[in-house]
Amino acid sequence: FFAVLLIPLLEEVIFRGFLLEVLSSRLGRAAGVVLSSFAFAILHGVAAAPVIFTLAVAMALVKLRTRSLLVCWLV
């Protein structure tokens, strides 16, 4: 339950619901996407960071386009 549902939901709220929005509003969309994705990737470990960063950028773009955390969470 925690690994499959709760933790991914919390990650979406923190990284795409809060951090992406704050950074995008203060620094612009591109910087918001890159910086929030970088933070997300680093928190998942340096070894996996390039792959996770790519996924995080895609998810940030989904969030910005759909304006929905639910869509990101389901993906």
PDB file of N, CA and C in Angstrom:
ATOM      1  N   PHE A   1       0.827  -1.202   0.000  1.00  0.00           N
ATOM      2  CA  PHE A   1       0.000   0.000   0.000  1.00  0.00           C
ATOM      3  C   PHE A   1       0.865   1.257   0.000  1.00  0.00           C
ATOM      4  N   PHE A   2       1.835   1.308   0.920  1.00  0.00           N
ATOM      5  CA  PHE A   2       2.678   2.497   1.020  1.00  0.00           C
ATOM      6  C   PHE A   2       3.538   2.690  -0.223  1.00  0.00           C
ATOM      7  N   ALA A   3       4.204   1.628  -0.661  1.00  0.00           N
ATOM      8  CA  ALA A   3       5.129   1.731  -1.795  1.00  0.00           C
ATOM      9  C   ALA A   3       4.416   1.958  -3.121  1.00  0.00           C
ATOM     10  N   VAL A   4       3.219   1.422  -3.248  1.00  0.00           N
ATOM     11  CA  VAL A   4       2.516   1.485  -4.528  1.00  0.00           C
ATOM     12  C   VAL A   4       1.582   2.688  -4.625  1.00  0.00           C
ATOM     13  N   LEU A   5       0.957   3.076  -3.541  1.00  0.00           N
ATOM     14  CA  LEU A   5      -0.036   4.152  -3.596  1.00  0.00           C
ATOM     15  C   LEU A   5       0.344   5.411  -2.831  1.00  0.00           C
ATOM     16  N   LEU A   6       0.681   5.267  -1.574  1.00  0.00           N
ATOM     17  CA  LEU A   6       0.856   6.443  -0.730  1.00  0.00           C
ATOM     18  C   LEU A   6       2.128   7.232  -1.053  1.00  0.00           C
ATOM     19  N   ILE A   7       3.248   6.564  -1.169  1.00  0.00           N
ATOM     20  CA  ILE A   7       4.504   7.274  -1.443  1.00  0.00           C
ATOM     21  C   ILE A   7       4.473   7.965  -2.807  1.00  0.00           C
ATOM     22  N   PRO A   8       4.026   7.296  -3.882  1.00  0.00           N
ATOM     23  CA  PRO A   8       3.928   8.014  -5.159  1.00  0.00           C
ATOM     24  C   PRO A   8       2.984   9.226  -5.097  1.00  0.00           C
ATOM     25  N   LEU A   9       1.897   9.115  -4.360  1.00  0.00           N
ATOM     26  CA  LEU A   9       0.987  10.251  -4.211  1.00  0.00           C
ATOM     27  C   LEU A   9       1.689  11.403  -3.494  1.00  0.00           C
ATOM     28  N   LEU A  10       2.395  11.097  -2.427  1.00  0.00           N
ATOM     29  CA  LEU A  10       3.125  12.137  -1.701  1.00  0.00           C
ATOM     30  C   LEU A  10       4.207  12.771  -2.562  1.00  0.00           C
ATOM     31  N   GLU A  11       4.881  11.968  -3.370  1.00  0.00           N
ATOM     32  CA  GLU A  11       5.893  12.515  -4.271  1.00  0.00           C
ATOM     33  C   GLU A  11       5.265  13.474  -5.271  1.00  0.00           C
ATOM     34  N   GLU A  12       4.125  13.123  -5.806  1.00  0.00           N
ATOM     35  CA  GLU A  12       3.443  14.010  -6.754  1.00  0.00           C
ATOM     36  C   GLU A  12       3.053  15.322  -6.086  1.00  0.00           C
ATOM     37  N   VAL A  13       2.518  15.237  -4.893  1.00  0.00           N
ATOM     38  CA  VAL A  13       2.110  16.449  -4.170  1.00  0.00           C
ATOM     39  C   VAL A  13       3.313  17.339  -3.894  1.00  0.00           C
ATOM     40  N   ILE A  14       4.405  16.753  -3.438  1.00  0.00           N
ATOM     41  CA  ILE A  14       5.591  17.534  -3.075  1.00  0.00           C
ATOM     42  C   ILE A  14       6.305  18.087  -4.306  1.00  0.00           C
ATOM     43  N   PHE A  15       6.619  17.221  -5.258  1.00  0.00           N
ATOM     44  CA  PHE A  15       7.455  17.647  -6.376  1.00  0.00           C
ATOM     45  C   PHE A  15       6.705  18.332  -7.499  1.00  0.00           C
ATOM     46  N   ARG A  16       5.543  17.832  -7.875  1.00  0.00           N
ATOM     47  CA  ARG A  16       4.809  18.453  -8.964  1.00  0.00           C
ATOM     48  C   ARG A  16       3.703  19.377  -8.485  1.00  0.00           C
ATOM     49  N   GLY A  17       3.119  19.099  -7.338  1.00  0.00           N
ATOM     50  CA  GLY A  17       2.060  19.956  -6.822  1.00  0.00           C
ATOM     51  C   GLY A  17       2.583  21.200  -6.134  1.00  0.00           C
ATOM     52  N   PHE A  18       3.745  21.093  -5.485  1.00  0.00           N
ATOM     53  CA  PHE A  18       4.292  22.229  -4.752  1.00  0.00           C
ATOM     54  C   PHE A  18       5.550  22.789  -5.412  1.00  0.00           C
ATOM     55  N   LEU A  19       6.620  21.988  -5.452  1.00  0.00           N
ATOM     56  CA  LEU A  19       7.918  22.482  -5.903  1.00  0.00           C
ATOM     57  C   LEU A  19       7.876  22.975  -7.352  1.00  0.00           C
ATOM     58  N   LEU A  20       7.304  22.201  -8.246  1.00  0.00           N
ATOM     59  CA  LEU A  20       7.215  22.620  -9.654  1.00  0.00           C
ATOM     60  C   LEU A  20       6.449  23.931  -9.776  1.00  0.00           C
ATOM     61  N   GLU A  21       5.353  24.040  -9.066  1.00  0.00           N
ATOM     62  CA  GLU A  21       4.536  25.256  -9.147  1.00  0.00           C
ATOM     63  C   GLU A  21       5.281  26.478  -8.606  1.00  0.00           C
ATOM     64  N   VAL A  22       5.937  26.338  -7.462  1.00  0.00           N
ATOM     65  CA  VAL A  22       6.665  27.458  -6.861  1.00  0.00           C
ATOM     66  C   VAL A  22       7.821  27.884  -7.760  1.00  0.00           C
ATOM     67  N   LEU A  23       8.620  26.914  -8.192  1.00  0.00           N
ATOM     68  CA  LEU A  23       9.772  27.246  -9.033  1.00  0.00           C
ATOM     69  C   LEU A  23       9.338  27.829 -10.376  1.00  0.00           C
ATOM     70  N   SER A  24       8.298  27.282 -10.962  1.00  0.00           N
ATOM     71  CA  SER A  24       7.813  27.793 -12.250  1.00  0.00           C
ATOM     72  C   SER A  24       7.297  29.220 -12.137  1.00  0.00           C
ATOM     73  N   SER A  25       6.616  29.513 -11.054  1.00  0.00           N
ATOM     74  CA  SER A  25       6.077  30.867 -10.887  1.00  0.00           C
ATOM     75  C   SER A  25       7.181  31.884 -10.600  1.00  0.00           C
ATOM     76  N   ARG A  26       8.242  31.454  -9.948  1.00  0.00           N
ATOM     77  CA  ARG A  26       9.326  32.386  -9.596  1.00  0.00           C
ATOM     78  C   ARG A  26      10.425  32.466 -10.640  1.00  0.00           C
ATOM     79  N   LEU A  27      10.723  31.341 -11.312  1.00  0.00           N
ATOM     80  CA  LEU A  27      11.872  31.295 -12.213  1.00  0.00           C
ATOM     81  C   LEU A  27      11.512  31.017 -13.667  1.00  0.00           C
ATOM     82  N   GLY A  28      10.259  30.722 -13.929  1.00  0.00           N
ATOM     83  CA  GLY A  28       9.818  30.368 -15.276  1.00  0.00           C
ATOM     84  C   GLY A  28       9.610  28.868 -15.399  1.00  0.00           C
ATOM     85  N   ARG A  29       8.831  28.492 -16.398  1.00  0.00           N
ATOM     86  CA  ARG A  29       8.470  27.077 -16.566  1.00  0.00           C
ATOM     87  C   ARG A  29       9.672  26.178 -16.789  1.00  0.00           C
ATOM     88  N   ALA A  30      10.571  26.567 -17.677  1.00  0.00           N
ATOM     89  CA  ALA A  30      11.725  25.712 -17.999  1.00  0.00           C
ATOM     90  C   ALA A  30      12.568  25.454 -16.763  1.00  0.00           C
ATOM     91  N   ALA A  31      12.863  26.500 -16.014  1.00  0.00           N
ATOM     92  CA  ALA A  31      13.660  26.336 -14.794  1.00  0.00           C
ATOM     93  C   ALA A  31      12.905  25.506 -13.768  1.00  0.00           C
ATOM     94  N   GLY A  32      11.609  25.708 -13.659  1.00  0.00           N
ATOM     95  CA  GLY A  32      10.804  24.929 -12.725  1.00  0.00           C
ATOM     96  C   GLY A  32      10.830  23.450 -13.053  1.00  0.00           C
ATOM     97  N   VAL A  33      10.697  23.138 -14.330  1.00  0.00           N
ATOM     98  CA  VAL A  33      10.728  21.736 -14.766  1.00  0.00           C
ATOM     99  C   VAL A  33      12.091  21.126 -14.475  1.00  0.00           C
ATOM    100  N   VAL A  34      13.157  21.802 -14.865  1.00  0.00           N
ATOM    101  CA  VAL A  34      14.516  21.263 -14.694  1.00  0.00           C
ATOM    102  C   VAL A  34      14.874  21.124 -13.217  1.00  0.00           C
ATOM    103  N   LEU A  35      14.650  22.152 -12.436  1.00  0.00           N
ATOM    104  CA  LEU A  35      15.055  22.116 -11.024  1.00  0.00           C
ATOM    105  C   LEU A  35      14.235  21.130 -10.196  1.00  0.00           C
ATOM    106  N   SER A  36      12.934  21.096 -10.399  1.00  0.00           N
ATOM    107  CA  SER A  36      12.123  20.139  -9.639  1.00  0.00           C
ATOM    108  C   SER A  36      12.431  18.712 -10.066  1.00  0.00           C
ATOM    109  N   SER A  37      12.699  18.502 -11.339  1.00  0.00           N
ATOM    110  CA  SER A  37      13.057  17.169 -11.831  1.00  0.00           C
ATOM    111  C   SER A  37      14.420  16.738 -11.313  1.00  0.00           C
ATOM    112  N   PHE A  38      15.349  17.668 -11.247  1.00  0.00           N
ATOM    113  CA  PHE A  38      16.674  17.373 -10.703  1.00  0.00           C
ATOM    114  C   PHE A  38      16.573  16.966  -9.234  1.00  0.00           C
ATOM    115  N   ALA A  39      15.800  17.709  -8.460  1.00  0.00           N
ATOM    116  CA  ALA A  39      15.619  17.382  -7.040  1.00  0.00           C
ATOM    117  C   ALA A  39      14.992  16.007  -6.887  1.00  0.00           C
ATOM    118  N   PHE A  40      13.991  15.711  -7.692  1.00  0.00           N
ATOM    119  CA  PHE A  40      13.325  14.413  -7.661  1.00  0.00           C
ATOM    120  C   PHE A  40      14.313  13.298  -7.988  1.00  0.00           C
ATOM    121  N   ALA A  41      15.130  13.498  -9.014  1.00  0.00           N
ATOM    122  CA  ALA A  41      16.090  12.479  -9.446  1.00  0.00           C
ATOM    123  C   ALA A  41      17.161  12.233  -8.387  1.00  0.00           C
ATOM    124  N   ILE A  42      17.702  13.283  -7.827  1.00  0.00           N
ATOM    125  CA  ILE A  42      18.766  13.136  -6.821  1.00  0.00           C
ATOM    126  C   ILE A  42      18.244  12.412  -5.587  1.00  0.00           C
ATOM    127  N   LEU A  43      17.022  12.698  -5.187  1.00  0.00           N
ATOM    128  CA  LEU A  43      16.458  12.015  -4.021  1.00  0.00           C
ATOM    129  C   LEU A  43      16.254  10.521  -4.258  1.00  0.00           C
ATOM    130  N   HIS A  44      16.237  10.103  -5.517  1.00  0.00           N
ATOM    131  CA  HIS A  44      16.096   8.685  -5.830  1.00  0.00           C
ATOM    132  C   HIS A  44      17.439   7.994  -6.040  1.00  0.00           C
ATOM    133  N   GLY A  45      18.517   8.715  -5.835  1.00  0.00           N
ATOM    134  CA  GLY A  45      19.854   8.123  -5.920  1.00  0.00           C
ATOM    135  C   GLY A  45      20.616   8.574  -7.141  1.00  0.00           C
ATOM    136  N   VAL A  46      21.894   8.788  -6.958  1.00  0.00           N
ATOM    137  CA  VAL A  46      22.744   9.304  -8.023  1.00  0.00           C
ATOM    138  C   VAL A  46      22.861   8.307  -9.175  1.00  0.00           C
ATOM    139  N   ALA A  47      22.932   7.024  -8.868  1.00  0.00           N
ATOM    140  CA  ALA A  47      23.093   6.015  -9.915  1.00  0.00           C
ATOM    141  C   ALA A  47      21.915   6.004 -10.883  1.00  0.00           C
ATOM    142  N   ALA A  48      20.727   6.203 -10.376  1.00  0.00           N
ATOM    143  CA  ALA A  48      19.525   6.179 -11.210  1.00  0.00           C
ATOM    144  C   ALA A  48      19.114   7.569 -11.694  1.00  0.00           C
ATOM    145  N   ALA A  49      19.846   8.596 -11.307  1.00  0.00           N
ATOM    146  CA  ALA A  49      19.442   9.977 -11.564  1.00  0.00           C
ATOM    147  C   ALA A  49      19.170  10.292 -13.039  1.00  0.00           C
ATOM    148  N   PRO A  50      19.996   9.871 -13.987  1.00  0.00           N
ATOM    149  CA  PRO A  50      19.692  10.242 -15.380  1.00  0.00           C
ATOM    150  C   PRO A  50      18.345   9.697 -15.880  1.00  0.00           C
ATOM    151  N   VAL A  51      18.052   8.468 -15.555  1.00  0.00           N
ATOM    152  CA  VAL A  51      16.783   7.870 -15.985  1.00  0.00           C
ATOM    153  C   VAL A  51      15.618   8.510 -15.244  1.00  0.00           C
ATOM    154  N   ILE A  52      15.763   8.678 -13.944  1.00  0.00           N
ATOM    155  CA  ILE A  52      14.699   9.278 -13.136  1.00  0.00           C
ATOM    156  C   ILE A  52      14.480  10.734 -13.538  1.00  0.00           C
ATOM    157  N   PHE A  53      15.556  11.447 -13.854  1.00  0.00           N
ATOM    158  CA  PHE A  53      15.431  12.838 -14.295  1.00  0.00           C
ATOM    159  C   PHE A  53      14.574  12.919 -15.561  1.00  0.00           C
ATOM    160  N   THR A  54      14.834  12.032 -16.513  1.00  0.00           N
ATOM    161  CA  THR A  54      14.062  12.017 -17.752  1.00  0.00           C
ATOM    162  C   THR A  54      12.583  11.756 -17.474  1.00  0.00           C
ATOM    163  N   LEU A  55      12.309  10.791 -16.619  1.00  0.00           N
ATOM    164  CA  LEU A  55      10.932  10.505 -16.228  1.00  0.00           C
ATOM    165  C   LEU A  55      10.306  11.710 -15.529  1.00  0.00           C
ATOM    166  N   ALA A  56      11.048  12.346 -14.649  1.00  0.00           N
ATOM    167  CA  ALA A  56      10.526  13.490 -13.900  1.00  0.00           C
ATOM    168  C   ALA A  56      10.207  14.667 -14.817  1.00  0.00           C
ATOM    169  N   VAL A  57      11.042  14.894 -15.829  1.00  0.00           N
ATOM    170  CA  VAL A  57      10.760  15.961 -16.794  1.00  0.00           C
ATOM    171  C   VAL A  57       9.450  15.654 -17.523  1.00  0.00           C
ATOM    172  N   ALA A  58       9.298  14.419 -17.960  1.00  0.00           N
ATOM    173  CA  ALA A  58       8.054  14.025 -18.647  1.00  0.00           C
ATOM    174  C   ALA A  58       6.848  14.233 -17.743  1.00  0.00           C
ATOM    175  N   MET A  59       6.971  13.843 -16.480  1.00  0.00           N
ATOM    176  CA  MET A  59       5.849  13.992 -15.546  1.00  0.00           C
ATOM    177  C   MET A  59       5.553  15.470 -15.267  1.00  0.00           C
ATOM    178  N   ALA A  60       6.587  16.289 -15.195  1.00  0.00           N
ATOM    179  CA  ALA A  60       6.382  17.724 -14.986  1.00  0.00           C
ATOM    180  C   ALA A  60       5.638  18.332 -16.176  1.00  0.00           C
ATOM    181  N   LEU A  61       5.995  17.904 -17.372  1.00  0.00           N
ATOM    182  CA  LEU A  61       5.300  18.411 -18.559  1.00  0.00           C
ATOM    183  C   LEU A  61       3.846  17.945 -18.595  1.00  0.00           C
ATOM    184  N   VAL A  62       3.605  16.709 -18.165  1.00  0.00           N
ATOM    185  CA  VAL A  62       2.225  16.209 -18.057  1.00  0.00           C
ATOM    186  C   VAL A  62       1.449  17.072 -17.066  1.00  0.00           C
ATOM    187  N   LYS A  63       2.058  17.361 -15.933  1.00  0.00           N
ATOM    188  CA  LYS A  63       1.390  18.183 -14.907  1.00  0.00           C
ATOM    189  C   LYS A  63       1.074  19.575 -15.436  1.00  0.00           C
ATOM    190  N   LEU A  64       2.040  20.190 -16.099  1.00  0.00           N
ATOM    191  CA  LEU A  64       1.811  21.535 -16.617  1.00  0.00           C
ATOM    192  C   LEU A  64       0.741  21.540 -17.709  1.00  0.00           C
ATOM    193  N   ARG A  65       0.719  20.507 -18.524  1.00  0.00           N
ATOM    194  CA  ARG A  65      -0.263  20.456 -19.612  1.00  0.00           C
ATOM    195  C   ARG A  65      -1.672  20.139 -19.122  1.00  0.00           C
ATOM    196  N   THR A  66      -1.781  19.164 -18.208  1.00  0.00           N
ATOM    197  CA  THR A  66      -3.112  18.733 -17.756  1.00  0.00           C
ATOM    198  C   THR A  66      -3.593  19.487 -16.530  1.00  0.00           C
ATOM    199  N   ARG A  67      -2.653  20.114 -15.799  1.00  0.00           N
ATOM    200  CA  ARG A  67      -2.952  20.795 -14.527  1.00  0.00           C
ATOM    201  C   ARG A  67      -3.531  19.818 -13.504  1.00  0.00           C
ATOM    202  N   SER A  68      -3.166  18.535 -13.616  1.00  0.00           N
ATOM    203  CA  SER A  68      -3.742  17.505 -12.755  1.00  0.00           C
ATOM    204  C   SER A  68      -2.666  16.632 -12.131  1.00  0.00           C
ATOM    205  N   LEU A  69      -2.649  16.582 -10.812  1.00  0.00           N
ATOM    206  CA  LEU A  69      -1.769  15.647 -10.123  1.00  0.00           C
ATOM    207  C   LEU A  69      -2.285  14.231 -10.267  1.00  0.00           C
ATOM    208  N   LEU A  70      -3.575  14.071 -10.401  1.00  0.00           N
ATOM    209  CA  LEU A  70      -4.166  12.750 -10.542  1.00  0.00           C
ATOM    210  C   LEU A  70      -3.628  12.039 -11.781  1.00  0.00           C
ATOM    211  N   VAL A  71      -3.519  12.751 -12.881  1.00  0.00           N
ATOM    212  CA  VAL A  71      -2.996  12.149 -14.103  1.00  0.00           C
ATOM    213  C   VAL A  71      -1.563  11.685 -13.889  1.00  0.00           C
ATOM    214  N   CYS A  72      -0.738  12.528 -13.276  1.00  0.00           N
ATOM    215  CA  CYS A  72       0.661  12.155 -12.983  1.00  0.00           C
ATOM    216  C   CYS A  72       0.709  10.944 -12.071  1.00  0.00           C
ATOM    217  N   TRP A  73      -0.099  10.949 -11.069  1.00  0.00           N
ATOM    218  CA  TRP A  73      -0.115   9.836 -10.098  1.00  0.00           C
ATOM    219  C   TRP A  73      -0.509   8.539 -10.782  1.00  0.00           C
ATOM    220  N   LEU A  74      -1.490   8.594 -11.660  1.00  0.00           N
ATOM    221  CA  LEU A  74      -1.925   7.387 -12.360  1.00  0.00           C
ATOM    222  C   LEU A  74      -0.866   6.874 -13.332  1.00  0.00           C
ATOM    223  N   VAL A  75      -0.143   7.787 -13.951  1.00  0.00           N
ATOM    224  CA  VAL A  75       0.930   7.381 -14.860  1.00  0.00           C
ATOM    225  C   VAL A  75       2.039   6.769 -14.049  1.00  0.00           C
TER     226      VAL A  75
END
